[in-house]
Amino acid sequence: MTQVVDYNTGTGHLNLTNQFEYDTVGNTNSVTDLNTNITTSVYDTERRRCWTALLT
């Protein structure tokens, strides 16, 4: 599942977008920020985050 958050403030403003991707149980798998940096996360079977990596 992918969710896109669009901070569209109209004409003459920055149109900023973050993209969030989720696994089947609702954990955030990756986040793409305004500078296209991607942060990925991995979770264990009890939905605890095991590690996070920032890919630039």
PDB file of N, CA and C in Angstrom:
ATOM      1  N   MET A   1       0.842  -1.149   0.000  1.00  0.00           N
ATOM      2  CA  MET A   1       0.000   0.000   0.000  1.00  0.00           C
ATOM      3  C   MET A   1       0.902   1.231   0.000  1.00  0.00           C
ATOM      4  N   THR A   2       0.558   2.239  -0.757  1.00  0.00           N
ATOM      5  CA  THR A   2       1.330   3.466  -0.841  1.00  0.00           C
ATOM      6  C   THR A   2       0.441   4.639  -0.502  1.00  0.00           C
ATOM      7  N   GLN A   3       0.969   5.538   0.311  1.00  0.00           N
ATOM      8  CA  GLN A   3       0.254   6.766   0.643  1.00  0.00           C
ATOM      9  C   GLN A   3       1.129   7.937   0.227  1.00  0.00           C
ATOM     10  N   VAL A   4       0.570   8.877  -0.495  1.00  0.00           N
ATOM     11  CA  VAL A   4       1.294  10.074  -0.899  1.00  0.00           C
ATOM     12  C   VAL A   4       0.678  11.254  -0.165  1.00  0.00           C
ATOM     13  N   VAL A   5       1.533  11.997   0.555  1.00  0.00           N
ATOM     14  CA  VAL A   5       1.084  13.197   1.251  1.00  0.00           C
ATOM     15  C   VAL A   5       1.538  14.382   0.423  1.00  0.00           C
ATOM     16  N   ASP A   6       0.597  15.153  -0.082  1.00  0.00           N
ATOM     17  CA  ASP A   6       0.886  16.286  -0.953  1.00  0.00           C
ATOM     18  C   ASP A   6       0.590  17.575  -0.209  1.00  0.00           C
ATOM     19  N   TYR A   7       1.629  18.352   0.036  1.00  0.00           N
ATOM     20  CA  TYR A   7       1.469  19.626   0.724  1.00  0.00           C
ATOM     21  C   TYR A   7       1.262  20.717  -0.315  1.00  0.00           C
ATOM     22  N   ASN A   8       0.239  20.574  -1.122  1.00  0.00           N
ATOM     23  CA  ASN A   8      -0.052  21.515  -2.195  1.00  0.00           C
ATOM     24  C   ASN A   8      -0.754  22.726  -1.609  1.00  0.00           C
ATOM     25  N   THR A   9      -0.028  23.829  -1.610  1.00  0.00           N
ATOM     26  CA  THR A   9      -0.585  25.033  -1.006  1.00  0.00           C
ATOM     27  C   THR A   9      -1.075  26.012  -2.054  1.00  0.00           C
ATOM     28  N   GLY A  10      -1.134  25.594  -3.299  1.00  0.00           N
ATOM     29  CA  GLY A  10      -1.703  26.448  -4.335  1.00  0.00           C
ATOM     30  C   GLY A  10      -0.663  27.149  -5.183  1.00  0.00           C
ATOM     31  N   THR A  11      -1.120  28.034  -6.026  1.00  0.00           N
ATOM     32  CA  THR A  11      -0.275  28.751  -6.967  1.00  0.00           C
ATOM     33  C   THR A  11       0.701  29.655  -6.227  1.00  0.00           C
ATOM     34  N   GLY A  12       1.948  29.660  -6.696  1.00  0.00           N
ATOM     35  CA  GLY A  12       2.962  30.518  -6.115  1.00  0.00           C
ATOM     36  C   GLY A  12       3.643  29.944  -4.895  1.00  0.00           C
ATOM     37  N   HIS A  13       3.334  28.693  -4.545  1.00  0.00           N
ATOM     38  CA  HIS A  13       3.927  28.046  -3.381  1.00  0.00           C
ATOM     39  C   HIS A  13       4.612  26.766  -3.819  1.00  0.00           C
ATOM     40  N   LEU A  14       5.455  26.256  -2.956  1.00  0.00           N
ATOM     41  CA  LEU A  14       6.093  24.975  -3.233  1.00  0.00           C
ATOM     42  C   LEU A  14       5.066  23.856  -3.146  1.00  0.00           C
ATOM     43  N   ASN A  15       5.102  22.951  -4.078  1.00  0.00           N
ATOM     44  CA  ASN A  15       4.255  21.761  -4.028  1.00  0.00           C
ATOM     45  C   ASN A  15       5.144  20.612  -3.568  1.00  0.00           C
ATOM     46  N   LEU A  16       5.074  20.283  -2.276  1.00  0.00           N
ATOM     47  CA  LEU A  16       5.964  19.317  -1.657  1.00  0.00           C
ATOM     48  C   LEU A  16       5.223  18.009  -1.442  1.00  0.00           C
ATOM     49  N   THR A  17       5.900  16.891  -1.698  1.00  0.00           N
ATOM     50  CA  THR A  17       5.274  15.581  -1.583  1.00  0.00           C
ATOM     51  C   THR A  17       6.196  14.614  -0.853  1.00  0.00           C
ATOM     52  N   ASN A  18       5.678  13.922   0.141  1.00  0.00           N
ATOM     53  CA  ASN A  18       6.338  12.786   0.781  1.00  0.00           C
ATOM     54  C   ASN A  18       5.576  11.541   0.372  1.00  0.00           C
ATOM     55  N   GLN A  19       6.294  10.446   0.200  1.00  0.00           N
ATOM     56  CA  GLN A  19       5.645   9.192  -0.165  1.00  0.00           C
ATOM     57  C   GLN A  19       5.942   8.153   0.910  1.00  0.00           C
ATOM     58  N   PHE A  20       4.897   7.484   1.390  1.00  0.00           N
ATOM     59  CA  PHE A  20       5.018   6.453   2.412  1.00  0.00           C
ATOM     60  C   PHE A  20       4.552   5.128   1.823  1.00  0.00           C
ATOM     61  N   GLU A  21       5.322   4.058   2.063  1.00  0.00           N
ATOM     62  CA  GLU A  21       4.920   2.722   1.630  1.00  0.00           C
ATOM     63  C   GLU A  21       4.812   1.826   2.857  1.00  0.00           C
ATOM     64  N   TYR A  22       3.747   1.011   2.897  1.00  0.00           N
ATOM     65  CA  TYR A  22       3.442   0.175   4.049  1.00  0.00           C
ATOM     66  C   TYR A  22       3.408  -1.294   3.669  1.00  0.00           C
ATOM     67  N   ASP A  23       3.709  -2.160   4.651  1.00  0.00           N
ATOM     68  CA  ASP A  23       3.548  -3.587   4.416  1.00  0.00           C
ATOM     69  C   ASP A  23       2.097  -3.987   4.707  1.00  0.00           C
ATOM     70  N   THR A  24       1.818  -5.267   4.654  1.00  0.00           N
ATOM     71  CA  THR A  24       0.429  -5.728   4.768  1.00  0.00           C
ATOM     72  C   THR A  24      -0.166  -5.547   6.160  1.00  0.00           C
ATOM     73  N   VAL A  25       0.669  -5.361   7.187  1.00  0.00           N
ATOM     74  CA  VAL A  25       0.150  -5.163   8.543  1.00  0.00           C
ATOM     75  C   VAL A  25       0.222  -3.709   8.994  1.00  0.00           C
ATOM     76  N   GLY A  26       0.640  -2.808   8.107  1.00  0.00           N
ATOM     77  CA  GLY A  26       0.619  -1.383   8.405  1.00  0.00           C
ATOM     78  C   GLY A  26       1.919  -0.770   8.864  1.00  0.00           C
ATOM     79  N   ASN A  27       3.011  -1.552   8.873  1.00  0.00           N
ATOM     80  CA  ASN A  27       4.318  -0.982   9.200  1.00  0.00           C
ATOM     81  C   ASN A  27       4.822  -0.153   8.023  1.00  0.00           C
ATOM     82  N   THR A  28       5.527   0.920   8.309  1.00  0.00           N
ATOM     83  CA  THR A  28       6.091   1.752   7.253  1.00  0.00           C
ATOM     84  C   THR A  28       7.345   1.079   6.696  1.00  0.00           C
ATOM     85  N   ASN A  29       7.298   0.622   5.437  1.00  0.00           N
ATOM     86  CA  ASN A  29       8.457   0.006   4.806  1.00  0.00           C
ATOM     87  C   ASN A  29       9.458   1.034   4.322  1.00  0.00           C
ATOM     88  N   SER A  30       8.956   2.109   3.698  1.00  0.00           N
ATOM     89  CA  SER A  30       9.862   3.132   3.201  1.00  0.00           C
ATOM     90  C   SER A  30       9.166   4.484   3.161  1.00  0.00           C
ATOM     91  N   VAL A  31       9.999   5.503   3.285  1.00  0.00           N
ATOM     92  CA  VAL A  31       9.541   6.888   3.199  1.00  0.00           C
ATOM     93  C   VAL A  31      10.471   7.591   2.227  1.00  0.00           C
ATOM     94  N   THR A  32       9.888   8.239   1.221  1.00  0.00           N
ATOM     95  CA  THR A  32      10.661   9.061   0.294  1.00  0.00           C
ATOM     96  C   THR A  32      10.351  10.511   0.632  1.00  0.00           C
ATOM     97  N   ASP A  33      11.410  11.264   0.990  1.00  0.00           N
ATOM     98  CA  ASP A  33      11.187  12.641   1.422  1.00  0.00           C
ATOM     99  C   ASP A  33      11.260  13.615   0.257  1.00  0.00           C
ATOM    100  N   LEU A  34      11.209  14.891   0.579  1.00  0.00           N
ATOM    101  CA  LEU A  34      11.157  15.943  -0.433  1.00  0.00           C
ATOM    102  C   LEU A  34      12.412  16.005  -1.292  1.00  0.00           C
ATOM    103  N   ASN A  35      13.546  15.535  -0.762  1.00  0.00           N
ATOM    104  CA  ASN A  35      14.809  15.532  -1.503  1.00  0.00           C
ATOM    105  C   ASN A  35      15.078  14.190  -2.169  1.00  0.00           C
ATOM    106  N   THR A  36      14.083  13.342  -2.274  1.00  0.00           N
ATOM    107  CA  THR A  36      14.128  11.987  -2.823  1.00  0.00           C
ATOM    108  C   THR A  36      15.070  11.060  -2.059  1.00  0.00           C
ATOM    109  N   ASN A  37      15.341  11.363  -0.787  1.00  0.00           N
ATOM    110  CA  ASN A  37      16.033  10.418   0.085  1.00  0.00           C
ATOM    111  C   ASN A  37      15.031   9.350   0.493  1.00  0.00           C
ATOM    112  N   ILE A  38      15.471   8.106   0.502  1.00  0.00           N
ATOM    113  CA  ILE A  38      14.587   6.992   0.839  1.00  0.00           C
ATOM    114  C   ILE A  38      15.058   6.377   2.154  1.00  0.00           C
ATOM    115  N   THR A  39      14.156   6.291   3.122  1.00  0.00           N
ATOM    116  CA  THR A  39      14.433   5.630   4.389  1.00  0.00           C
ATOM    117  C   THR A  39      13.633   4.338   4.421  1.00  0.00           C
ATOM    118  N   THR A  40      14.332   3.217   4.598  1.00  0.00           N
ATOM    119  CA  THR A  40      13.652   1.921   4.646  1.00  0.00           C
ATOM    120  C   THR A  40      13.770   1.334   6.046  1.00  0.00           C
ATOM    121  N   SER A  41      12.770   0.564   6.443  1.00  0.00           N
ATOM    122  CA  SER A  41      12.755  -0.061   7.764  1.00  0.00           C
ATOM    123  C   SER A  41      12.369  -1.524   7.637  1.00  0.00           C
ATOM    124  N   VAL A  42      12.876  -2.339   8.560  1.00  0.00           N
ATOM    125  CA  VAL A  42      12.538  -3.760   8.619  1.00  0.00           C
ATOM    126  C   VAL A  42      12.028  -4.044  10.024  1.00  0.00           C
ATOM    127  N   TYR A  43      10.975  -4.855  10.118  1.00  0.00           N
ATOM    128  CA  TYR A  43      10.321  -5.163  11.385  1.00  0.00           C
ATOM    129  C   TYR A  43      10.380  -6.658  11.660  1.00  0.00           C
ATOM    130  N   ASP A  44      10.369  -7.010  12.958  1.00  0.00           N
ATOM    131  CA  ASP A  44      10.312  -8.423  13.314  1.00  0.00           C
ATOM    132  C   ASP A  44       8.843  -8.885  13.337  1.00  0.00           C
ATOM    133  N   THR A  45       8.629 -10.132  13.741  1.00  0.00           N
ATOM    134  CA  THR A  45       7.279 -10.693  13.707  1.00  0.00           C
ATOM    135  C   THR A  45       6.339 -10.062  14.737  1.00  0.00           C
ATOM    136  N   GLU A  46       6.893  -9.351  15.712  1.00  0.00           N
ATOM    137  CA  GLU A  46       6.069  -8.666  16.708  1.00  0.00           C
ATOM    138  C   GLU A  46       5.919  -7.176  16.392  1.00  0.00           C
ATOM    139  N   ARG A  47       6.207  -6.811  15.144  1.00  0.00           N
ATOM    140  CA  ARG A  47       6.043  -5.450  14.606  1.00  0.00           C
ATOM    141  C   ARG A  47       6.970  -4.424  15.258  1.00  0.00           C
ATOM    142  N   ARG A  48       8.119  -4.893  15.779  1.00  0.00           N
ATOM    143  CA  ARG A  48       9.123  -3.985  16.329  1.00  0.00           C
ATOM    144  C   ARG A  48      10.143  -3.695  15.231  1.00  0.00           C
ATOM    145  N   ARG A  49      10.518  -2.431  15.099  1.00  0.00           N
ATOM    146  CA  ARG A  49      11.496  -2.076  14.063  1.00  0.00           C
ATOM    147  C   ARG A  49      12.850  -2.646  14.451  1.00  0.00           C
ATOM    148  N   CYS A  50      13.456  -3.396  13.523  1.00  0.00           N
ATOM    149  CA  CYS A  50      14.764  -4.022  13.766  1.00  0.00           C
ATOM    150  C   CYS A  50      15.896  -3.121  13.278  1.00  0.00           C
ATOM    151  N   TRP A  51      15.725  -2.535  12.109  1.00  0.00           N
ATOM    152  CA  TRP A  51      16.729  -1.610  11.605  1.00  0.00           C
ATOM    153  C   TRP A  51      16.122  -0.652  10.599  1.00  0.00           C
ATOM    154  N   THR A  52      16.840   0.453  10.415  1.00  0.00           N
ATOM    155  CA  THR A  52      16.422   1.497   9.477  1.00  0.00           C
ATOM    156  C   THR A  52      17.651   1.935   8.691  1.00  0.00           C
ATOM    157  N   ALA A  53      17.487   2.131   7.394  1.00  0.00           N
ATOM    158  CA  ALA A  53      18.596   2.582   6.548  1.00  0.00           C
ATOM    159  C   ALA A  53      18.144   3.781   5.730  1.00  0.00           C
ATOM    160  N   LEU A  54      19.033   4.763   5.622  1.00  0.00           N
ATOM    161  CA  LEU A  54      18.772   5.939   4.790  1.00  0.00           C
ATOM    162  C   LEU A  54      19.547   5.795   3.496  1.00  0.00           C
ATOM    163  N   LEU A  55      18.830   5.760   2.376  1.00  0.00           N
ATOM    164  CA  LEU A  55      19.455   5.646   1.064  1.00  0.00           C
ATOM    165  C   LEU A  55      19.372   7.005   0.398  1.00  0.00           C
ATOM    166  N   THR A  56      20.500   7.545  -0.003  1.00  0.00           N
ATOM    167  CA  THR A  56      20.498   8.873  -0.647  1.00  0.00           C
ATOM    168  C   THR A  56      20.899   8.772  -2.087  1.00  0.00           C
TER     169      THR A  56
END
